Amino acid sequence: MQPRNMSMSGVVDLAAVKAANEAKAKAEQARAEAARHGGGGAVSPAALVIDTDEASFERDVLQRSTEVPVVIDFWAEWCEPCKQLGPLLERLATEYNGRFVLAKVDVDANQMLMQQFGIQGIPAVFAVVAGQALPLFQGAAPEAQIRQTLDQLVQVAEERFGLTGIVVEPDASGEAAQAPVPAGPYDALLEAAVQALDAGDFGGAVQAYRNVLSDDPGNTEAKLGLAQAELLGRVKDMDPQKVRQEAADNPADATAQIAAADLDLVGGHVEDAFGRLVETVRRTAGEERDAARVRLLELFEVVGPEDPRVTAARQALARVLF
């Protein structure tokens, strides 16, 4: 048996997502314009990534965290995964343009900080927001997962602590730091993906969206469309009655709840899908908890970051995690 509603009607509007992305770009331009005209407290792009130690930690991290989230990268010269993760975090710090500051700590030279944060392996990444330390992840995680974690951190900082980031001065060329311009245009590929979705060819839609993203990884419409196509591909062969019965019989089983949440979302029950996964994150631990959290972040991508239902669910997830 297959679910009847495979159109995602009422769940996501790609045109609205496109408009939201343009609004976000305008906000970033406004921040850059403020920097050009001497906006108070503006910092140089170089100040977004700093090396800190035990002597300067209070000034560099604790005090700074009262105005902007500070992400801490615990690393060492001999750590090979650190050499992969470090440059990625530095690039993202520049790309996020003042939404967070990256502080790098060499654990070999700062054993006391390592002990204070309870670190048992590196690389380890924490955040400090308004003086409060929050564990983010350990190990060289995939970029997509890191971006999701940073997006959630920024959301928590804004909504719970009122920290909207800092203004960054223009770089040496006179242009403010901002996200790269998409390589496009991709109208033909995106149209082909939408047609594949409408025809029920979810594999074809996935491939079409991936073709766009291979050339333009930041294309918002393609990222959201890919998340939608992957979701529809996951549920197309499900037996809804069986899936829902298993979820009802096993409320602490992350796998059962994740499958039911996928069906909830495809059926247009967005709040139910989000609430189910937030509750699963609360009930579970370890790999199961992480799987539920990651799926919830994926479903956020399906609905779109500007949707108020996503904002509410992010707040609920933050309360469970932090």
C-alpha atoms as a PDB file:
ATOM      1  CA  MET A   1       0.000   0.000   0.000  1.00  0.00           C
ATOM      2  CA  GLN A   2       1.220   3.474  -0.838  1.00  0.00           C
ATOM      3  CA  PRO A   3       0.218   6.769   0.806  1.00  0.00           C
ATOM      4  CA  ARG A   4      -2.390   8.637  -1.246  1.00  0.00           C
ATOM      5  CA  ASN A   5      -0.994  12.136  -0.775  1.00  0.00           C
ATOM      6  CA  MET A   6       2.349  12.285  -2.568  1.00  0.00           C
ATOM      7  CA  SER A   7       2.157  15.880  -3.749  1.00  0.00           C
ATOM      8  CA  MET A   8       3.500  17.556  -0.593  1.00  0.00           C
ATOM      9  CA  SER A   9       0.650  20.045  -0.972  1.00  0.00           C
ATOM     10  CA  GLY A  10       0.725  22.605   1.835  1.00  0.00           C
ATOM     11  CA  VAL A  11       4.113  21.459   3.116  1.00  0.00           C
ATOM     12  CA  VAL A  12       6.558  23.416   0.993  1.00  0.00           C
ATOM     13  CA  ASP A  13       6.347  26.141  -1.642  1.00  0.00           C
ATOM     14  CA  LEU A  14       9.551  26.456  -3.657  1.00  0.00           C
ATOM     15  CA  ALA A  15       8.561  29.930  -4.846  1.00  0.00           C
ATOM     16  CA  ALA A  16       8.201  31.056  -1.252  1.00  0.00           C
ATOM     17  CA  VAL A  17      11.556  29.532  -0.418  1.00  0.00           C
ATOM     18  CA  LYS A  18      13.108  31.460  -3.279  1.00  0.00           C
ATOM     19  CA  ALA A  19      11.608  34.692  -1.974  1.00  0.00           C
ATOM     20  CA  ALA A  20      12.791  33.952   1.565  1.00  0.00           C
ATOM     21  CA  ASN A  21      16.293  33.355   0.304  1.00  0.00           C
ATOM     22  CA  GLU A  22      16.250  36.712  -1.496  1.00  0.00           C
ATOM     23  CA  ALA A  23      15.067  38.403   1.705  1.00  0.00           C
ATOM     24  CA  LYS A  24      17.923  36.822   3.605  1.00  0.00           C
ATOM     25  CA  ALA A  25      20.389  38.072   1.005  1.00  0.00           C
ATOM     26  CA  LYS A  26      18.993  41.596   1.369  1.00  0.00           C
ATOM     27  CA  ALA A  27      19.473  41.399   5.138  1.00  0.00           C
ATOM     28  CA  GLU A  28      23.086  40.397   4.634  1.00  0.00           C
ATOM     29  CA  GLN A  29      23.546  43.304   2.228  1.00  0.00           C
ATOM     30  CA  ALA A  30      22.137  45.662   4.845  1.00  0.00           C
ATOM     31  CA  ARG A  31      24.657  44.378   7.378  1.00  0.00           C
ATOM     32  CA  ALA A  32      27.447  44.911   4.856  1.00  0.00           C
ATOM     33  CA  GLU A  33      26.175  48.420   4.093  1.00  0.00           C
ATOM     34  CA  ALA A  34      26.254  49.255   7.790  1.00  0.00           C
ATOM     35  CA  ALA A  35      29.877  48.143   7.886  1.00  0.00           C
ATOM     36  CA  ARG A  36      30.758  50.325   4.875  1.00  0.00           C
ATOM     37  CA  HIS A  37      29.355  53.374   6.619  1.00  0.00           C
ATOM     38  CA  GLY A  38      31.229  52.788   9.816  1.00  0.00           C
ATOM     39  CA  GLY A  39      28.665  50.803  11.732  1.00  0.00           C
ATOM     40  CA  GLY A  40      29.442  50.862  15.437  1.00  0.00           C
ATOM     41  CA  GLY A  41      31.451  47.951  16.736  1.00  0.00           C
ATOM     42  CA  ALA A  42      32.329  46.580  13.301  1.00  0.00           C
ATOM     43  CA  VAL A  43      35.205  44.077  13.275  1.00  0.00           C
ATOM     44  CA  SER A  44      37.630  43.085  10.547  1.00  0.00           C
ATOM     45  CA  PRO A  45      37.100  39.764   8.711  1.00  0.00           C
ATOM     46  CA  ALA A  46      40.328  38.517  10.317  1.00  0.00           C
ATOM     47  CA  ALA A  47      38.698  38.817  13.753  1.00  0.00           C
ATOM     48  CA  LEU A  48      36.168  36.094  12.900  1.00  0.00           C
ATOM     49  CA  VAL A  49      38.830  33.406  13.462  1.00  0.00           C
ATOM     50  CA  ILE A  50      41.157  33.703  16.460  1.00  0.00           C
ATOM     51  CA  ASP A  51      43.683  31.577  18.341  1.00  0.00           C
ATOM     52  CA  THR A  52      43.060  31.636  22.056  1.00  0.00           C
ATOM     53  CA  ASP A  53      44.666  30.125  25.152  1.00  0.00           C
ATOM     54  CA  GLU A  54      44.153  29.844  28.880  1.00  0.00           C
ATOM     55  CA  ALA A  55      45.451  33.358  29.540  1.00  0.00           C
ATOM     56  CA  SER A  56      43.156  35.073  27.032  1.00  0.00           C
ATOM     57  CA  PHE A  57      40.177  32.698  27.150  1.00  0.00           C
ATOM     58  CA  GLU A  58      38.016  34.909  29.353  1.00  0.00           C
ATOM     59  CA  ARG A  59      38.458  37.914  27.060  1.00  0.00           C
ATOM     60  CA  ASP A  60      38.416  36.056  23.734  1.00  0.00           C
ATOM     61  CA  VAL A  61      35.582  33.644  24.478  1.00  0.00           C
ATOM     62  CA  LEU A  62      33.580  34.362  27.625  1.00  0.00           C
ATOM     63  CA  GLN A  63      33.320  38.120  27.208  1.00  0.00           C
ATOM     64  CA  ARG A  64      32.864  37.953  23.451  1.00  0.00           C
ATOM     65  CA  SER A  65      30.065  35.367  23.860  1.00  0.00           C
ATOM     66  CA  THR A  66      27.836  38.063  25.362  1.00  0.00           C
ATOM     67  CA  GLU A  67      27.560  39.690  21.909  1.00  0.00           C
ATOM     68  CA  VAL A  68      28.043  36.804  19.456  1.00  0.00           C
ATOM     69  CA  PRO A  69      28.147  32.972  19.688  1.00  0.00           C
ATOM     70  CA  VAL A  70      31.721  31.701  19.947  1.00  0.00           C
ATOM     71  CA  VAL A  71      32.464  28.295  18.433  1.00  0.00           C
ATOM     72  CA  ILE A  72      35.531  26.601  19.948  1.00  0.00           C
ATOM     73  CA  ASP A  73      37.625  24.198  17.893  1.00  0.00           C
ATOM     74  CA  PHE A  74      39.808  22.019  20.150  1.00  0.00           C
ATOM     75  CA  TRP A  75      42.626  20.691  17.977  1.00  0.00           C
ATOM     76  CA  ALA A  76      46.276  19.559  17.929  1.00  0.00           C
ATOM     77  CA  GLU A  77      49.011  19.586  15.304  1.00  0.00           C
ATOM     78  CA  TRP A  78      49.335  15.779  15.300  1.00  0.00           C
ATOM     79  CA  CYS A  79      45.560  15.235  14.805  1.00  0.00           C
ATOM     80  CA  GLU A  80      44.813  14.390  11.151  1.00  0.00           C
ATOM     81  CA  PRO A  81      40.998  14.834  11.398  1.00  0.00           C
ATOM     82  CA  CYS A  82      41.670  18.260  12.944  1.00  0.00           C
ATOM     83  CA  LYS A  83      43.496  19.261   9.761  1.00  0.00           C
ATOM     84  CA  GLN A  84      40.349  18.458   7.772  1.00  0.00           C
ATOM     85  CA  LEU A  85      37.876  20.096  10.135  1.00  0.00           C
ATOM     86  CA  GLY A  86      39.816  23.256  10.987  1.00  0.00           C
ATOM     87  CA  PRO A  87      39.911  24.822   7.492  1.00  0.00           C
ATOM     88  CA  LEU A  88      36.223  23.977   6.989  1.00  0.00           C
ATOM     89  CA  LEU A  89      35.234  25.767  10.208  1.00  0.00           C
ATOM     90  CA  GLU A  90      37.375  28.757   9.255  1.00  0.00           C
ATOM     91  CA  ARG A  91      35.688  28.977   5.856  1.00  0.00           C
ATOM     92  CA  LEU A  92      32.246  28.752   7.427  1.00  0.00           C
ATOM     93  CA  ALA A  93      33.116  31.456   9.964  1.00  0.00           C
ATOM     94  CA  THR A  94      33.866  33.778   7.044  1.00  0.00           C
ATOM     95  CA  GLU A  95      30.770  32.689   5.121  1.00  0.00           C
ATOM     96  CA  TYR A  96      28.444  33.244   8.101  1.00  0.00           C
ATOM     97  CA  ASN A  97      29.793  36.815   8.173  1.00  0.00           C
ATOM     98  CA  GLY A  98      29.582  37.650  11.860  1.00  0.00           C
ATOM     99  CA  ARG A  99      26.864  35.231  12.946  1.00  0.00           C
ATOM    100  CA  PHE A 100      29.505  33.448  15.034  1.00  0.00           C
ATOM    101  CA  VAL A 101      33.211  33.752  15.881  1.00  0.00           C
ATOM    102  CA  LEU A 102      35.584  30.785  15.735  1.00  0.00           C
ATOM    103  CA  ALA A 103      38.132  30.377  18.542  1.00  0.00           C
ATOM    104  CA  LYS A 104      40.843  27.729  18.068  1.00  0.00           C
ATOM    105  CA  VAL A 105      42.438  26.034  21.084  1.00  0.00           C
ATOM    106  CA  ASP A 106      45.589  23.909  20.822  1.00  0.00           C
ATOM    107  CA  VAL A 107      44.976  21.224  23.438  1.00  0.00           C
ATOM    108  CA  ASP A 108      48.661  20.363  23.795  1.00  0.00           C
ATOM    109  CA  ALA A 109      49.375  23.893  25.008  1.00  0.00           C
ATOM    110  CA  ASN A 110      46.132  24.301  26.971  1.00  0.00           C
ATOM    111  CA  GLN A 111      45.577  21.142  28.995  1.00  0.00           C
ATOM    112  CA  MET A 112      43.578  22.965  31.654  1.00  0.00           C
ATOM    113  CA  LEU A 113      40.957  24.117  29.147  1.00  0.00           C
ATOM    114  CA  MET A 114      40.742  20.600  27.783  1.00  0.00           C
ATOM    115  CA  GLN A 115      40.039  19.275  31.288  1.00  0.00           C
ATOM    116  CA  GLN A 116      37.526  22.013  32.088  1.00  0.00           C
ATOM    117  CA  PHE A 117      35.465  21.110  29.021  1.00  0.00           C
ATOM    118  CA  GLY A 118      35.777  17.373  29.751  1.00  0.00           C
ATOM    119  CA  ILE A 119      37.265  16.600  26.358  1.00  0.00           C
ATOM    120  CA  GLN A 120      38.369  12.995  25.828  1.00  0.00           C
ATOM    121  CA  GLY A 121      39.091  13.082  22.099  1.00  0.00           C
ATOM    122  CA  ILE A 122      39.720  15.596  19.336  1.00  0.00           C
ATOM    123  CA  PRO A 123      38.688  17.324  17.237  1.00  0.00           C
ATOM    124  CA  ALA A 124      35.959  18.477  19.595  1.00  0.00           C
ATOM    125  CA  VAL A 125      33.746  21.462  18.927  1.00  0.00           C
ATOM    126  CA  PHE A 126      31.876  23.443  21.562  1.00  0.00           C
ATOM    127  CA  ALA A 127      30.036  26.734  21.578  1.00  0.00           C
ATOM    128  CA  VAL A 128      29.796  29.402  24.255  1.00  0.00           C
ATOM    129  CA  VAL A 129      26.668  31.573  24.173  1.00  0.00           C
ATOM    130  CA  ALA A 130      26.165  34.278  26.793  1.00  0.00           C
ATOM    131  CA  GLY A 131      28.781  32.552  28.938  1.00  0.00           C
ATOM    132  CA  GLN A 132      27.113  29.125  28.682  1.00  0.00           C
ATOM    133  CA  ALA A 133      29.072  26.220  27.167  1.00  0.00           C
ATOM    134  CA  LEU A 134      27.232  23.940  24.725  1.00  0.00           C
ATOM    135  CA  PRO A 135      28.731  20.748  23.209  1.00  0.00           C
ATOM    136  CA  LEU A 136      28.221  20.682  19.433  1.00  0.00           C
ATOM    137  CA  PHE A 137      29.974  17.616  17.986  1.00  0.00           C
ATOM    138  CA  GLN A 138      33.148  15.534  18.076  1.00  0.00           C
ATOM    139  CA  GLY A 139      35.148  14.364  15.076  1.00  0.00           C
ATOM    140  CA  ALA A 140      35.343  15.560  11.465  1.00  0.00           C
ATOM    141  CA  ALA A 141      31.627  15.592  10.690  1.00  0.00           C
ATOM    142  CA  PRO A 142      30.233  16.074   7.150  1.00  0.00           C
ATOM    143  CA  GLU A 143      29.854  19.696   6.063  1.00  0.00           C
ATOM    144  CA  ALA A 144      26.074  19.430   5.690  1.00  0.00           C
ATOM    145  CA  GLN A 145      25.737  18.240   9.286  1.00  0.00           C
ATOM    146  CA  ILE A 146      28.060  20.993  10.526  1.00  0.00           C
ATOM    147  CA  ARG A 147      26.002  23.625   8.710  1.00  0.00           C
ATOM    148  CA  GLN A 148      22.816  22.289  10.284  1.00  0.00           C
ATOM    149  CA  THR A 149      24.413  22.444  13.732  1.00  0.00           C
ATOM    150  CA  LEU A 150      25.658  26.005  13.160  1.00  0.00           C
ATOM    151  CA  ASP A 151      22.263  27.093  11.856  1.00  0.00           C
ATOM    152  CA  GLN A 152      20.675  25.709  14.989  1.00  0.00           C
ATOM    153  CA  LEU A 153      23.263  27.448  17.176  1.00  0.00           C
ATOM    154  CA  VAL A 154      22.600  30.791  15.474  1.00  0.00           C
ATOM    155  CA  GLN A 155      18.855  30.249  15.899  1.00  0.00           C
ATOM    156  CA  VAL A 156      19.218  29.496  19.608  1.00  0.00           C
ATOM    157  CA  ALA A 157      21.506  32.493  20.137  1.00  0.00           C
ATOM    158  CA  GLU A 158      19.028  34.841  18.476  1.00  0.00           C
ATOM    159  CA  GLU A 159      15.821  33.507  20.014  1.00  0.00           C
ATOM    160  CA  ARG A 160      16.950  32.653  23.534  1.00  0.00           C
ATOM    161  CA  PHE A 161      19.701  35.202  24.125  1.00  0.00           C
ATOM    162  CA  GLY A 162      18.994  37.993  21.641  1.00  0.00           C
ATOM    163  CA  LEU A 163      22.422  37.664  19.996  1.00  0.00           C
ATOM    164  CA  THR A 164      22.140  38.606  16.323  1.00  0.00           C
ATOM    165  CA  GLY A 165      25.863  38.601  15.554  1.00  0.00           C
ATOM    166  CA  ILE A 166      28.390  41.325  14.820  1.00  0.00           C
ATOM    167  CA  VAL A 167      28.953  43.640  11.857  1.00  0.00           C
ATOM    168  CA  VAL A 168      31.982  42.811   9.725  1.00  0.00           C
ATOM    169  CA  GLU A 169      34.011  45.525   8.011  1.00  0.00           C
ATOM    170  CA  PRO A 170      34.555  45.442   4.232  1.00  0.00           C
ATOM    171  CA  ASP A 171      37.587  43.456   3.105  1.00  0.00           C
ATOM    172  CA  ALA A 172      40.634  44.986   1.455  1.00  0.00           C
ATOM    173  CA  SER A 173      38.924  45.144  -1.954  1.00  0.00           C
ATOM    174  CA  GLY A 174      36.145  47.292  -0.503  1.00  0.00           C
ATOM    175  CA  GLU A 175      33.550  44.552  -0.721  1.00  0.00           C
ATOM    176  CA  ALA A 176      31.944  43.151   2.395  1.00  0.00           C
ATOM    177  CA  ALA A 177      32.253  39.412   2.998  1.00  0.00           C
ATOM    178  CA  GLN A 178      29.191  37.618   1.643  1.00  0.00           C
ATOM    179  CA  ALA A 179      28.132  34.292   0.235  1.00  0.00           C
ATOM    180  CA  PRO A 180      29.405  33.465  -3.268  1.00  0.00           C
ATOM    181  CA  VAL A 181      27.090  34.293  -6.170  1.00  0.00           C
ATOM    182  CA  PRO A 182      25.418  31.160  -7.601  1.00  0.00           C
ATOM    183  CA  ALA A 183      26.964  29.944 -10.837  1.00  0.00           C
ATOM    184  CA  GLY A 184      23.545  29.375 -12.573  1.00  0.00           C
ATOM    185  CA  PRO A 185      21.286  29.688 -14.337  1.00  0.00           C
ATOM    186  CA  TYR A 186      19.710  26.305 -13.639  1.00  0.00           C
ATOM    187  CA  ASP A 187      16.128  26.905 -14.750  1.00  0.00           C
ATOM    188  CA  ALA A 188      16.104  23.947 -17.143  1.00  0.00           C
ATOM    189  CA  LEU A 189      17.507  21.490 -14.601  1.00  0.00           C
ATOM    190  CA  LEU A 190      15.213  22.716 -11.844  1.00  0.00           C
ATOM    191  CA  GLU A 191      12.189  22.489 -14.136  1.00  0.00           C
ATOM    192  CA  ALA A 192      13.193  18.941 -15.080  1.00  0.00           C
ATOM    193  CA  ALA A 193      13.408  18.042 -11.392  1.00  0.00           C
ATOM    194  CA  VAL A 194       9.939  19.463 -10.700  1.00  0.00           C
ATOM    195  CA  GLN A 195       8.501  17.550 -13.660  1.00  0.00           C
ATOM    196  CA  ALA A 196      10.093  14.343 -12.372  1.00  0.00           C
ATOM    197  CA  LEU A 197       8.536  14.959  -8.952  1.00  0.00           C
ATOM    198  CA  ASP A 198       5.109  15.506 -10.486  1.00  0.00           C
ATOM    199  CA  ALA A 199       5.506  12.274 -12.481  1.00  0.00           C
ATOM    200  CA  GLY A 200       6.461  10.278  -9.391  1.00  0.00           C
ATOM    201  CA  ASP A 201      10.005   9.734 -10.656  1.00  0.00           C
ATOM    202  CA  PHE A 202      11.651  10.533  -7.341  1.00  0.00           C
ATOM    203  CA  GLY A 203      14.991   9.004  -8.312  1.00  0.00           C
ATOM    204  CA  GLY A 204      15.114  11.199 -11.399  1.00  0.00           C
ATOM    205  CA  ALA A 205      14.243  14.275  -9.347  1.00  0.00           C
ATOM    206  CA  VAL A 206      16.962  13.460  -6.822  1.00  0.00           C
ATOM    207  CA  GLN A 207      19.542  13.160  -9.594  1.00  0.00           C
ATOM    208  CA  ALA A 208      18.432  16.413 -11.244  1.00  0.00           C
ATOM    209  CA  TYR A 209      18.721  18.340  -7.994  1.00  0.00           C
ATOM    210  CA  ARG A 210      22.091  16.769  -7.275  1.00  0.00           C
ATOM    211  CA  ASN A 211      23.291  17.854 -10.713  1.00  0.00           C
ATOM    212  CA  VAL A 212      22.546  21.448  -9.742  1.00  0.00           C
ATOM    213  CA  LEU A 213      24.135  21.117  -6.318  1.00  0.00           C
ATOM    214  CA  SER A 214      27.310  19.542  -7.693  1.00  0.00           C
ATOM    215  CA  ASP A 215      27.980  22.846  -9.460  1.00  0.00           C
ATOM    216  CA  ASP A 216      26.278  25.205  -6.999  1.00  0.00           C
ATOM    217  CA  PRO A 217      26.245  23.680  -3.469  1.00  0.00           C
ATOM    218  CA  GLY A 218      24.507  26.731  -2.022  1.00  0.00           C
ATOM    219  CA  ASN A 219      21.482  26.679  -4.347  1.00  0.00           C
ATOM    220  CA  THR A 220      18.593  26.931  -1.878  1.00  0.00           C
ATOM    221  CA  GLU A 221      15.883  25.808  -4.281  1.00  0.00           C
ATOM    222  CA  ALA A 222      17.851  22.700  -5.233  1.00  0.00           C
ATOM    223  CA  LYS A 223      18.671  21.816  -1.615  1.00  0.00           C
ATOM    224  CA  LEU A 224      15.061  22.057  -0.569  1.00  0.00           C
ATOM    225  CA  GLY A 225      13.847  20.217  -3.643  1.00  0.00           C
ATOM    226  CA  LEU A 226      16.345  17.433  -3.013  1.00  0.00           C
ATOM    227  CA  ALA A 227      15.129  17.058   0.568  1.00  0.00           C
ATOM    228  CA  GLN A 228      11.552  16.842  -0.736  1.00  0.00           C
ATOM    229  CA  ALA A 229      12.413  14.258  -3.395  1.00  0.00           C
ATOM    230  CA  GLU A 230      14.363  12.105  -0.930  1.00  0.00           C
ATOM    231  CA  LEU A 231      11.456  12.191   1.509  1.00  0.00           C
ATOM    232  CA  LEU A 232       8.952  11.106  -1.129  1.00  0.00           C
ATOM    233  CA  GLY A 233      11.332   8.348  -2.224  1.00  0.00           C
ATOM    234  CA  ARG A 234      11.545   7.047   1.341  1.00  0.00           C
ATOM    235  CA  VAL A 235       7.790   6.798   1.859  1.00  0.00           C
ATOM    236  CA  LYS A 236       6.636   5.583  -1.556  1.00  0.00           C
ATOM    237  CA  ASP A 237       6.787   1.874  -0.647  1.00  0.00           C
ATOM    238  CA  MET A 238       5.696   2.201   2.984  1.00  0.00           C
ATOM    239  CA  ASP A 239       2.586   0.557   4.366  1.00  0.00           C
ATOM    240  CA  PRO A 240       1.142   3.492   6.361  1.00  0.00           C
ATOM    241  CA  GLN A 241      -0.999   1.338   8.651  1.00  0.00           C
ATOM    242  CA  LYS A 242       1.935  -0.895   9.565  1.00  0.00           C
ATOM    243  CA  VAL A 243       4.314   2.022  10.084  1.00  0.00           C
ATOM    244  CA  ARG A 244       1.903   3.869  12.353  1.00  0.00           C
ATOM    245  CA  GLN A 245       1.109   0.744  14.358  1.00  0.00           C
ATOM    246  CA  GLU A 246       4.801   0.087  14.940  1.00  0.00           C
ATOM    247  CA  ALA A 247       5.297   3.687  16.059  1.00  0.00           C
ATOM    248  CA  ALA A 248       2.334   3.441  18.447  1.00  0.00           C
ATOM    249  CA  ASP A 249       3.606   0.150  19.909  1.00  0.00           C
ATOM    250  CA  ASN A 250       7.222   1.367  20.259  1.00  0.00           C
ATOM    251  CA  PRO A 251       7.251   5.014  21.397  1.00  0.00           C
ATOM    252  CA  ALA A 252      10.966   4.882  22.296  1.00  0.00           C
ATOM    253  CA  ASP A 253      12.059   3.214  19.038  1.00  0.00           C
ATOM    254  CA  ALA A 254      13.783   5.918  17.001  1.00  0.00           C
ATOM    255  CA  THR A 255      13.560   3.991  13.720  1.00  0.00           C
ATOM    256  CA  ALA A 256       9.793   3.518  14.065  1.00  0.00           C
ATOM    257  CA  GLN A 257       9.230   7.165  15.006  1.00  0.00           C
ATOM    258  CA  ILE A 258      11.399   8.457  12.153  1.00  0.00           C
ATOM    259  CA  ALA A 259       9.409   6.451   9.611  1.00  0.00           C
ATOM    260  CA  ALA A 260       6.116   7.680  11.066  1.00  0.00           C
ATOM    261  CA  ALA A 261       7.366  11.271  11.020  1.00  0.00           C
ATOM    262  CA  ASP A 262       8.138  10.955   7.310  1.00  0.00           C
ATOM    263  CA  LEU A 263       4.553   9.831   6.719  1.00  0.00           C
ATOM    264  CA  ASP A 264       3.225  12.661   8.893  1.00  0.00           C
ATOM    265  CA  LEU A 265       5.024  15.237   6.807  1.00  0.00           C
ATOM    266  CA  VAL A 266       4.008  13.767   3.451  1.00  0.00           C
ATOM    267  CA  GLY A 267       0.412  13.778   4.673  1.00  0.00           C
ATOM    268  CA  GLY A 268       0.690  17.492   5.476  1.00  0.00           C
ATOM    269  CA  HIS A 269       0.792  17.007   9.264  1.00  0.00           C
ATOM    270  CA  VAL A 270       3.876  19.174   9.765  1.00  0.00           C
ATOM    271  CA  GLU A 271       3.496  19.918  13.480  1.00  0.00           C
ATOM    272  CA  ASP A 272       2.855  16.220  14.200  1.00  0.00           C
ATOM    273  CA  ALA A 273       6.024  15.198  12.355  1.00  0.00           C
ATOM    274  CA  PHE A 274       8.152  17.773  14.165  1.00  0.00           C
ATOM    275  CA  GLY A 275       6.614  17.064  17.565  1.00  0.00           C
ATOM    276  CA  ARG A 276       7.115  13.306  17.149  1.00  0.00           C
ATOM    277  CA  LEU A 277      10.831  13.722  16.431  1.00  0.00           C
ATOM    278  CA  VAL A 278      11.429  16.294  19.171  1.00  0.00           C
ATOM    279  CA  GLU A 279       9.862  13.848  21.628  1.00  0.00           C
ATOM    280  CA  THR A 280      12.014  11.035  20.216  1.00  0.00           C
ATOM    281  CA  VAL A 281      15.149  13.125  20.759  1.00  0.00           C
ATOM    282  CA  ARG A 282      14.011  13.677  24.347  1.00  0.00           C
ATOM    283  CA  ARG A 283      13.346   9.968  24.976  1.00  0.00           C
ATOM    284  CA  THR A 284      16.442   8.440  23.361  1.00  0.00           C
ATOM    285  CA  ALA A 285      20.225   8.635  23.667  1.00  0.00           C
ATOM    286  CA  GLY A 286      23.370   7.953  21.672  1.00  0.00           C
ATOM    287  CA  GLU A 287      23.067   6.975  18.006  1.00  0.00           C
ATOM    288  CA  GLU A 288      19.264   6.734  18.128  1.00  0.00           C
ATOM    289  CA  ARG A 289      18.984  10.250  19.498  1.00  0.00           C
ATOM    290  CA  ASP A 290      21.367  11.573  16.879  1.00  0.00           C
ATOM    291  CA  ALA A 291      19.447   9.804  14.091  1.00  0.00           C
ATOM    292  CA  ALA A 292      16.180  11.418  15.219  1.00  0.00           C
ATOM    293  CA  ARG A 293      17.833  14.836  15.481  1.00  0.00           C
ATOM    294  CA  VAL A 294      19.376  14.580  12.014  1.00  0.00           C
ATOM    295  CA  ARG A 295      16.079  13.472  10.446  1.00  0.00           C
ATOM    296  CA  LEU A 296      14.312  16.394  12.127  1.00  0.00           C
ATOM    297  CA  LEU A 297      16.861  18.798  10.629  1.00  0.00           C
ATOM    298  CA  GLU A 298      16.304  17.166   7.236  1.00  0.00           C
ATOM    299  CA  LEU A 299      12.570  17.703   7.545  1.00  0.00           C
ATOM    300  CA  PHE A 300      13.218  21.339   8.419  1.00  0.00           C
ATOM    301  CA  GLU A 301      14.896  21.564   4.996  1.00  0.00           C
ATOM    302  CA  VAL A 302      11.780  20.120   3.348  1.00  0.00           C
ATOM    303  CA  VAL A 303       9.472  22.711   4.876  1.00  0.00           C
ATOM    304  CA  GLY A 304      11.868  25.673   4.612  1.00  0.00           C
ATOM    305  CA  PRO A 305      13.778  27.627   7.268  1.00  0.00           C
ATOM    306  CA  GLU A 306      11.445  30.658   7.168  1.00  0.00           C
ATOM    307  CA  ASP A 307       8.301  28.662   7.953  1.00  0.00           C
ATOM    308  CA  PRO A 308       6.974  29.539  11.458  1.00  0.00           C
ATOM    309  CA  ARG A 309       6.405  25.835  12.145  1.00  0.00           C
ATOM    310  CA  VAL A 310      10.131  25.265  11.671  1.00  0.00           C
ATOM    311  CA  THR A 311      10.944  28.158  13.993  1.00  0.00           C
ATOM    312  CA  ALA A 312       8.697  26.717  16.706  1.00  0.00           C
ATOM    313  CA  ALA A 313      10.178  23.231  16.302  1.00  0.00           C
ATOM    314  CA  ARG A 314      13.728  24.593  16.433  1.00  0.00           C
ATOM    315  CA  GLN A 315      12.894  26.232  19.740  1.00  0.00           C
ATOM    316  CA  ALA A 316      11.452  22.967  21.069  1.00  0.00           C
ATOM    317  CA  LEU A 317      14.515  21.041  19.899  1.00  0.00           C
ATOM    318  CA  ALA A 318      16.825  23.584  21.525  1.00  0.00           C
ATOM    319  CA  ARG A 319      15.010  23.157  24.853  1.00  0.00           C
ATOM    320  CA  VAL A 320      15.498  19.393  24.650  1.00  0.00           C
ATOM    321  CA  LEU A 321      19.165  19.571  23.622  1.00  0.00           C
ATOM    322  CA  PHE A 322      20.371  22.501  25.716  1.00  0.00           C
END
